[in-house]
Amino acid sequence: MYSSTTHDIRVTVQPVFLEEQSSPDERQFMWAYQVRIENLGGQTVRLRNRFWSITDAEGRTQEVRGPGVVGEQPVLRPGDSFEYTSGCPLNTPSGMMVGSYGMEVETGEWLEVAIPAFSLDSPHQRVSLN
């Protein structure tokens, strides 16, 4: 599990390799990741957008930007949390993701909330000792 807190917003991510949806012989590897966003502060915030940087084991990076998450722009009052699950395909047996959420405070102020970097590791990744 990976977790970080920015501006009193805690983001926790738990990635899971999806063996049944992956085809290693065809270089298709699939992960799900569950995200929990918790408002630990005293102001109401709305998640407006997301940014992801996804890097595979060969160093190729793709960026994903868009409104909200899973079709929603949740409002988190003080003490509230929001959870969702999404997925990520790669052409390599491992990689990593990192990102941020754009949050709007009820006063109109914008906050950038970090999503912690997390690794995507499958049992198909060859391990070499240095």
N, C-alpha and C. Protein backbone atom coordinates (compact mmCIF):
# COMPACT_ATOMS: atom_id res chain seq x y z
N MET A 1 0.85 -1.17 0.00
CA MET A 1 0.00 0.00 0.00
C MET A 1 0.90 1.24 0.00
N TYR A 2 0.47 2.26 -0.73
CA TYR A 2 1.24 3.50 -0.87
C TYR A 2 0.35 4.65 -0.43
N SER A 3 0.91 5.61 0.31
CA SER A 3 0.09 6.69 0.83
C SER A 3 0.90 7.99 0.89
N SER A 4 0.22 9.11 0.65
CA SER A 4 0.83 10.43 0.83
C SER A 4 -0.27 11.41 1.23
N THR A 5 0.15 12.49 1.90
CA THR A 5 -0.80 13.52 2.34
C THR A 5 -0.30 14.88 1.85
N THR A 6 -1.17 15.60 1.16
CA THR A 6 -0.88 16.95 0.66
C THR A 6 -2.08 17.83 0.98
N HIS A 7 -1.84 19.00 1.56
CA HIS A 7 -2.93 19.94 1.88
C HIS A 7 -4.05 19.27 2.69
N ASP A 8 -3.69 18.41 3.61
CA ASP A 8 -4.65 17.68 4.47
C ASP A 8 -5.54 16.71 3.70
N ILE A 9 -5.12 16.32 2.49
CA ILE A 9 -5.82 15.30 1.72
C ILE A 9 -4.90 14.08 1.63
N ARG A 10 -5.34 12.96 2.19
CA ARG A 10 -4.53 11.73 2.14
C ARG A 10 -5.01 10.86 0.98
N VAL A 11 -4.06 10.42 0.17
CA VAL A 11 -4.35 9.53 -0.97
C VAL A 11 -3.60 8.22 -0.71
N THR A 12 -4.34 7.12 -0.71
CA THR A 12 -3.77 5.79 -0.49
C THR A 12 -4.10 4.93 -1.70
N VAL A 13 -3.09 4.22 -2.22
CA VAL A 13 -3.26 3.39 -3.42
C VAL A 13 -2.81 1.97 -3.14
N GLN A 14 -3.60 1.01 -3.60
CA GLN A 14 -3.25 -0.40 -3.49
C GLN A 14 -3.35 -1.03 -4.89
N PRO A 15 -2.21 -1.30 -5.55
CA PRO A 15 -2.25 -1.94 -6.87
C PRO A 15 -2.33 -3.46 -6.74
N VAL A 16 -2.97 -4.10 -7.74
CA VAL A 16 -3.10 -5.56 -7.78
C VAL A 16 -2.90 -6.01 -9.22
N PHE A 17 -2.00 -6.99 -9.42
CA PHE A 17 -1.80 -7.55 -10.75
C PHE A 17 -2.98 -8.45 -11.08
N LEU A 18 -3.52 -8.33 -12.30
CA LEU A 18 -4.68 -9.12 -12.73
C LEU A 18 -4.21 -10.23 -13.68
N GLU A 19 -3.84 -11.34 -13.11
CA GLU A 19 -3.32 -12.48 -13.88
C GLU A 19 -4.32 -12.95 -14.94
N GLU A 20 -5.60 -13.04 -14.55
CA GLU A 20 -6.63 -13.57 -15.45
C GLU A 20 -6.92 -12.66 -16.64
N GLN A 21 -6.56 -11.39 -16.55
CA GLN A 21 -6.78 -10.45 -17.65
C GLN A 21 -5.49 -10.15 -18.42
N SER A 22 -4.42 -10.83 -18.06
CA SER A 22 -3.12 -10.59 -18.69
C SER A 22 -2.75 -11.74 -19.61
N SER A 23 -1.97 -11.45 -20.63
CA SER A 23 -1.45 -12.45 -21.58
C SER A 23 0.05 -12.23 -21.75
N PRO A 24 0.86 -12.77 -20.84
CA PRO A 24 2.30 -12.52 -20.89
C PRO A 24 2.93 -12.89 -22.24
N ASP A 25 2.45 -13.97 -22.88
CA ASP A 25 3.01 -14.37 -24.18
C ASP A 25 2.76 -13.32 -25.26
N GLU A 26 1.72 -12.50 -25.07
CA GLU A 26 1.39 -11.44 -26.02
C GLU A 26 1.80 -10.06 -25.49
N ARG A 27 2.61 -10.05 -24.45
CA ARG A 27 3.10 -8.81 -23.83
C ARG A 27 1.95 -7.88 -23.40
N GLN A 28 0.95 -8.47 -22.78
CA GLN A 28 -0.18 -7.70 -22.25
C GLN A 28 -0.29 -8.00 -20.76
N PHE A 29 -0.10 -6.97 -19.95
CA PHE A 29 -0.12 -7.10 -18.50
C PHE A 29 -1.10 -6.08 -17.95
N MET A 30 -1.99 -6.52 -17.05
CA MET A 30 -3.07 -5.65 -16.58
C MET A 30 -3.06 -5.56 -15.05
N TRP A 31 -3.23 -4.33 -14.55
CA TRP A 31 -3.33 -4.09 -13.12
C TRP A 31 -4.62 -3.35 -12.81
N ALA A 32 -5.12 -3.60 -11.60
CA ALA A 32 -6.17 -2.76 -11.02
C ALA A 32 -5.50 -2.00 -9.89
N TYR A 33 -6.02 -0.83 -9.59
CA TYR A 33 -5.53 -0.11 -8.43
C TYR A 33 -6.72 0.53 -7.73
N GLN A 34 -6.76 0.34 -6.42
CA GLN A 34 -7.82 0.92 -5.61
C GLN A 34 -7.27 2.16 -4.93
N VAL A 35 -8.03 3.25 -5.02
CA VAL A 35 -7.62 4.53 -4.46
C VAL A 35 -8.62 4.94 -3.39
N ARG A 36 -8.07 5.43 -2.27
CA ARG A 36 -8.89 6.01 -1.21
C ARG A 36 -8.39 7.44 -1.00
N ILE A 37 -9.31 8.40 -1.07
CA ILE A 37 -9.00 9.81 -0.87
C ILE A 37 -9.73 10.26 0.39
N GLU A 38 -8.97 10.81 1.35
CA GLU A 38 -9.56 11.21 2.62
C GLU A 38 -9.29 12.69 2.87
N ASN A 39 -10.34 13.41 3.26
CA ASN A 39 -10.20 14.83 3.60
C ASN A 39 -9.95 14.92 5.11
N LEU A 40 -8.69 15.17 5.48
CA LEU A 40 -8.30 15.28 6.88
C LEU A 40 -8.36 16.72 7.37
N GLY A 41 -8.68 17.65 6.48
CA GLY A 41 -8.67 19.08 6.81
C GLY A 41 -10.02 19.61 7.25
N GLY A 42 -10.11 20.92 7.31
CA GLY A 42 -11.32 21.58 7.78
C GLY A 42 -12.15 22.23 6.70
N GLN A 43 -11.75 22.07 5.41
CA GLN A 43 -12.48 22.70 4.31
C GLN A 43 -13.05 21.64 3.37
N THR A 44 -14.18 21.94 2.76
CA THR A 44 -14.77 21.06 1.75
C THR A 44 -14.01 21.24 0.44
N VAL A 45 -13.72 20.12 -0.23
CA VAL A 45 -13.01 20.16 -1.52
C VAL A 45 -13.76 19.30 -2.54
N ARG A 46 -13.57 19.64 -3.81
CA ARG A 46 -14.14 18.85 -4.90
C ARG A 46 -12.98 18.43 -5.80
N LEU A 47 -12.93 17.15 -6.12
CA LEU A 47 -11.91 16.64 -7.04
C LEU A 47 -12.35 17.01 -8.45
N ARG A 48 -11.60 17.88 -9.11
CA ARG A 48 -11.98 18.36 -10.44
C ARG A 48 -11.29 17.61 -11.58
N ASN A 49 -10.00 17.27 -11.40
CA ASN A 49 -9.30 16.59 -12.50
C ASN A 49 -8.19 15.70 -11.97
N ARG A 50 -7.65 14.90 -12.88
CA ARG A 50 -6.59 13.97 -12.52
C ARG A 50 -5.48 14.04 -13.55
N PHE A 51 -4.27 13.69 -13.10
CA PHE A 51 -3.12 13.57 -13.97
C PHE A 51 -2.35 12.32 -13.54
N TRP A 52 -2.04 11.47 -14.51
CA TRP A 52 -1.23 10.27 -14.26
C TRP A 52 -0.04 10.26 -15.20
N SER A 53 1.10 9.84 -14.68
CA SER A 53 2.28 9.53 -15.48
C SER A 53 2.55 8.05 -15.27
N ILE A 54 2.49 7.29 -16.36
CA ILE A 54 2.63 5.83 -16.31
C ILE A 54 3.88 5.46 -17.08
N THR A 55 4.82 4.79 -16.41
CA THR A 55 6.09 4.42 -17.04
C THR A 55 6.24 2.91 -17.02
N ASP A 56 6.56 2.33 -18.19
CA ASP A 56 6.74 0.88 -18.24
C ASP A 56 8.20 0.52 -17.95
N ALA A 57 8.51 -0.77 -17.94
CA ALA A 57 9.84 -1.25 -17.57
C ALA A 57 10.92 -0.86 -18.59
N GLU A 58 10.52 -0.43 -19.76
CA GLU A 58 11.48 0.00 -20.78
C GLU A 58 11.63 1.51 -20.81
N GLY A 59 11.03 2.21 -19.84
CA GLY A 59 11.18 3.65 -19.72
C GLY A 59 10.23 4.47 -20.55
N ARG A 60 9.30 3.83 -21.25
CA ARG A 60 8.30 4.58 -22.02
C ARG A 60 7.26 5.15 -21.06
N THR A 61 6.97 6.43 -21.24
CA THR A 61 6.02 7.10 -20.34
C THR A 61 4.84 7.62 -21.13
N GLN A 62 3.66 7.43 -20.58
CA GLN A 62 2.46 8.04 -21.15
C GLN A 62 1.79 8.85 -20.06
N GLU A 63 1.16 9.94 -20.47
CA GLU A 63 0.46 10.79 -19.53
C GLU A 63 -1.03 10.74 -19.80
N VAL A 64 -1.80 10.74 -18.73
CA VAL A 64 -3.26 10.69 -18.82
C VAL A 64 -3.80 11.86 -18.01
N ARG A 65 -4.63 12.68 -18.63
CA ARG A 65 -5.27 13.81 -17.97
C ARG A 65 -6.76 13.76 -18.27
N GLY A 66 -7.55 14.23 -17.33
CA GLY A 66 -8.98 14.28 -17.59
C GLY A 66 -9.75 14.80 -16.40
N PRO A 67 -11.04 15.04 -16.63
CA PRO A 67 -11.89 15.52 -15.55
C PRO A 67 -12.22 14.39 -14.57
N GLY A 68 -12.22 14.70 -13.28
CA GLY A 68 -12.66 13.76 -12.26
C GLY A 68 -11.96 12.42 -12.29
N VAL A 69 -12.62 11.45 -11.66
CA VAL A 69 -12.15 10.06 -11.64
C VAL A 69 -13.36 9.15 -11.85
N VAL A 70 -13.19 8.13 -12.63
CA VAL A 70 -14.26 7.17 -12.96
C VAL A 70 -15.61 7.87 -13.20
N GLY A 71 -15.57 8.97 -13.95
CA GLY A 71 -16.78 9.68 -14.31
C GLY A 71 -17.39 10.54 -13.21
N GLU A 72 -16.69 10.72 -12.12
CA GLU A 72 -17.22 11.50 -11.00
C GLU A 72 -16.26 12.62 -10.61
N GLN A 73 -16.82 13.66 -10.01
CA GLN A 73 -16.05 14.75 -9.40
C GLN A 73 -16.53 14.85 -7.95
N PRO A 74 -16.06 13.93 -7.12
CA PRO A 74 -16.62 13.84 -5.76
C PRO A 74 -16.31 15.06 -4.89
N VAL A 75 -17.27 15.36 -4.02
CA VAL A 75 -17.11 16.41 -3.01
C VAL A 75 -16.77 15.72 -1.70
N LEU A 76 -15.70 16.20 -1.06
CA LEU A 76 -15.28 15.63 0.21
C LEU A 76 -15.34 16.71 1.29
N ARG A 77 -16.30 16.56 2.18
CA ARG A 77 -16.39 17.46 3.32
C ARG A 77 -15.35 17.02 4.36
N PRO A 78 -15.06 17.86 5.34
CA PRO A 78 -14.10 17.44 6.37
C PRO A 78 -14.49 16.08 6.96
N GLY A 79 -13.53 15.16 6.98
CA GLY A 79 -13.77 13.82 7.51
C GLY A 79 -14.27 12.82 6.49
N ASP A 80 -14.69 13.28 5.30
CA ASP A 80 -15.21 12.38 4.26
C ASP A 80 -14.07 11.64 3.55
N SER A 81 -14.45 10.53 2.93
CA SER A 81 -13.52 9.81 2.07
C SER A 81 -14.26 9.33 0.83
N PHE A 82 -13.49 9.03 -0.21
CA PHE A 82 -14.04 8.54 -1.47
C PHE A 82 -13.10 7.45 -1.96
N GLU A 83 -13.67 6.33 -2.41
CA GLU A 83 -12.87 5.23 -2.93
C GLU A 83 -13.32 4.87 -4.33
N TYR A 84 -12.36 4.48 -5.15
CA TYR A 84 -12.68 4.00 -6.48
C TYR A 84 -11.60 3.01 -6.94
N THR A 85 -11.94 2.24 -7.94
CA THR A 85 -11.00 1.29 -8.53
C THR A 85 -10.92 1.56 -10.02
N SER A 86 -9.71 1.52 -10.54
CA SER A 86 -9.48 1.69 -11.97
C SER A 86 -8.42 0.69 -12.40
N GLY A 87 -8.00 0.78 -13.66
CA GLY A 87 -7.04 -0.18 -14.16
C GLY A 87 -6.02 0.43 -15.08
N CYS A 88 -4.96 -0.34 -15.34
CA CYS A 88 -3.87 0.13 -16.18
C CYS A 88 -3.25 -1.05 -16.92
N PRO A 89 -3.22 -0.99 -18.27
CA PRO A 89 -2.52 -2.01 -19.04
C PRO A 89 -1.09 -1.57 -19.34
N LEU A 90 -0.17 -2.52 -19.41
CA LEU A 90 1.20 -2.25 -19.83
C LEU A 90 1.64 -3.33 -20.81
N ASN A 91 2.66 -3.02 -21.60
CA ASN A 91 3.25 -4.00 -22.51
C ASN A 91 4.49 -4.64 -21.91
N THR A 92 4.79 -4.31 -20.66
CA THR A 92 5.92 -4.90 -19.96
C THR A 92 5.42 -5.47 -18.63
N PRO A 93 6.15 -6.42 -18.04
CA PRO A 93 5.67 -7.06 -16.81
C PRO A 93 5.80 -6.21 -15.55
N SER A 94 6.32 -5.00 -15.67
CA SER A 94 6.36 -4.11 -14.52
C SER A 94 6.38 -2.66 -14.99
N GLY A 95 6.17 -1.77 -14.05
CA GLY A 95 6.18 -0.35 -14.36
C GLY A 95 5.88 0.42 -13.10
N MET A 96 5.57 1.70 -13.28
CA MET A 96 5.18 2.51 -12.13
C MET A 96 4.23 3.61 -12.55
N MET A 97 3.48 4.11 -11.58
CA MET A 97 2.55 5.21 -11.80
C MET A 97 2.75 6.25 -10.71
N VAL A 98 2.50 7.50 -11.06
CA VAL A 98 2.50 8.61 -10.12
C VAL A 98 1.58 9.67 -10.71
N GLY A 99 1.07 10.56 -9.87
CA GLY A 99 0.18 11.56 -10.44
C GLY A 99 -0.26 12.60 -9.43
N SER A 100 -1.35 13.28 -9.79
CA SER A 100 -1.90 14.30 -8.90
C SER A 100 -3.38 14.52 -9.23
N TYR A 101 -4.07 15.06 -8.24
CA TYR A 101 -5.46 15.46 -8.42
C TYR A 101 -5.53 16.98 -8.31
N GLY A 102 -6.34 17.60 -9.16
CA GLY A 102 -6.66 19.01 -9.03
C GLY A 102 -7.92 19.12 -8.20
N MET A 103 -7.82 19.77 -7.05
CA MET A 103 -8.95 19.90 -6.13
C MET A 103 -9.33 21.37 -6.01
N GLU A 104 -10.62 21.62 -5.96
CA GLU A 104 -11.11 22.98 -5.76
C GLU A 104 -11.70 23.09 -4.36
N VAL A 105 -11.20 24.06 -3.60
CA VAL A 105 -11.71 24.33 -2.26
C VAL A 105 -13.00 25.14 -2.39
N GLU A 106 -13.87 25.06 -1.41
CA GLU A 106 -15.15 25.77 -1.48
C GLU A 106 -14.98 27.28 -1.67
N THR A 107 -13.83 27.84 -1.33
CA THR A 107 -13.55 29.27 -1.51
C THR A 107 -13.15 29.60 -2.95
N GLY A 108 -12.96 28.56 -3.79
CA GLY A 108 -12.53 28.77 -5.17
C GLY A 108 -11.05 28.55 -5.37
N GLU A 109 -10.30 28.40 -4.28
CA GLU A 109 -8.86 28.14 -4.37
C GLU A 109 -8.62 26.74 -4.95
N TRP A 110 -7.52 26.60 -5.73
CA TRP A 110 -7.17 25.31 -6.31
C TRP A 110 -5.99 24.71 -5.59
N LEU A 111 -6.03 23.40 -5.38
CA LEU A 111 -4.94 22.67 -4.74
C LEU A 111 -4.49 21.55 -5.65
N GLU A 112 -3.20 21.30 -5.68
CA GLU A 112 -2.68 20.12 -6.36
C GLU A 112 -2.33 19.10 -5.27
N VAL A 113 -2.98 17.95 -5.34
CA VAL A 113 -2.80 16.91 -4.33
C VAL A 113 -2.03 15.75 -4.96
N ALA A 114 -0.92 15.39 -4.34
CA ALA A 114 -0.06 14.33 -4.89
C ALA A 114 -0.69 12.94 -4.74
N ILE A 115 -0.54 12.15 -5.79
CA ILE A 115 -0.84 10.72 -5.73
C ILE A 115 0.52 10.05 -5.59
N PRO A 116 0.72 9.23 -4.57
CA PRO A 116 2.06 8.67 -4.36
C PRO A 116 2.49 7.78 -5.52
N ALA A 117 3.79 7.77 -5.80
CA ALA A 117 4.32 6.86 -6.81
C ALA A 117 4.13 5.43 -6.30
N PHE A 118 3.71 4.54 -7.20
CA PHE A 118 3.57 3.13 -6.81
C PHE A 118 4.01 2.23 -7.94
N SER A 119 4.53 1.07 -7.56
CA SER A 119 5.06 0.15 -8.56
C SER A 119 4.01 -0.85 -8.98
N LEU A 120 4.11 -1.24 -10.23
CA LEU A 120 3.27 -2.27 -10.83
C LEU A 120 4.20 -3.45 -11.10
N ASP A 121 4.12 -4.46 -10.28
CA ASP A 121 5.02 -5.61 -10.39
C ASP A 121 4.22 -6.88 -10.59
N SER A 122 4.55 -7.60 -11.64
CA SER A 122 3.87 -8.87 -11.88
C SER A 122 4.83 -10.01 -11.57
N PRO A 123 4.29 -11.22 -11.40
CA PRO A 123 5.17 -12.37 -11.17
C PRO A 123 5.95 -12.75 -12.43
N HIS A 124 5.67 -12.10 -13.54
CA HIS A 124 6.35 -12.39 -14.82
C HIS A 124 7.61 -11.55 -15.00
N GLN A 125 7.87 -10.65 -14.07
CA GLN A 125 9.06 -9.80 -14.15
C GLN A 125 10.28 -10.62 -13.76
N ARG A 126 11.29 -10.64 -14.64
CA ARG A 126 12.53 -11.31 -14.30
C ARG A 126 13.29 -10.47 -13.30
N VAL A 127 13.75 -11.11 -12.25
CA VAL A 127 14.51 -10.42 -11.22
C VAL A 127 15.98 -10.74 -11.40
N SER A 128 16.82 -9.71 -11.40
CA SER A 128 18.26 -9.94 -11.50
C SER A 128 18.92 -9.27 -10.31
N LEU A 129 19.86 -9.95 -9.72
CA LEU A 129 20.59 -9.42 -8.58
C LEU A 129 21.83 -8.71 -9.08
N ASN A 130 22.12 -7.56 -8.53
CA ASN A 130 23.31 -6.79 -8.91
C ASN A 130 24.50 -7.21 -8.06
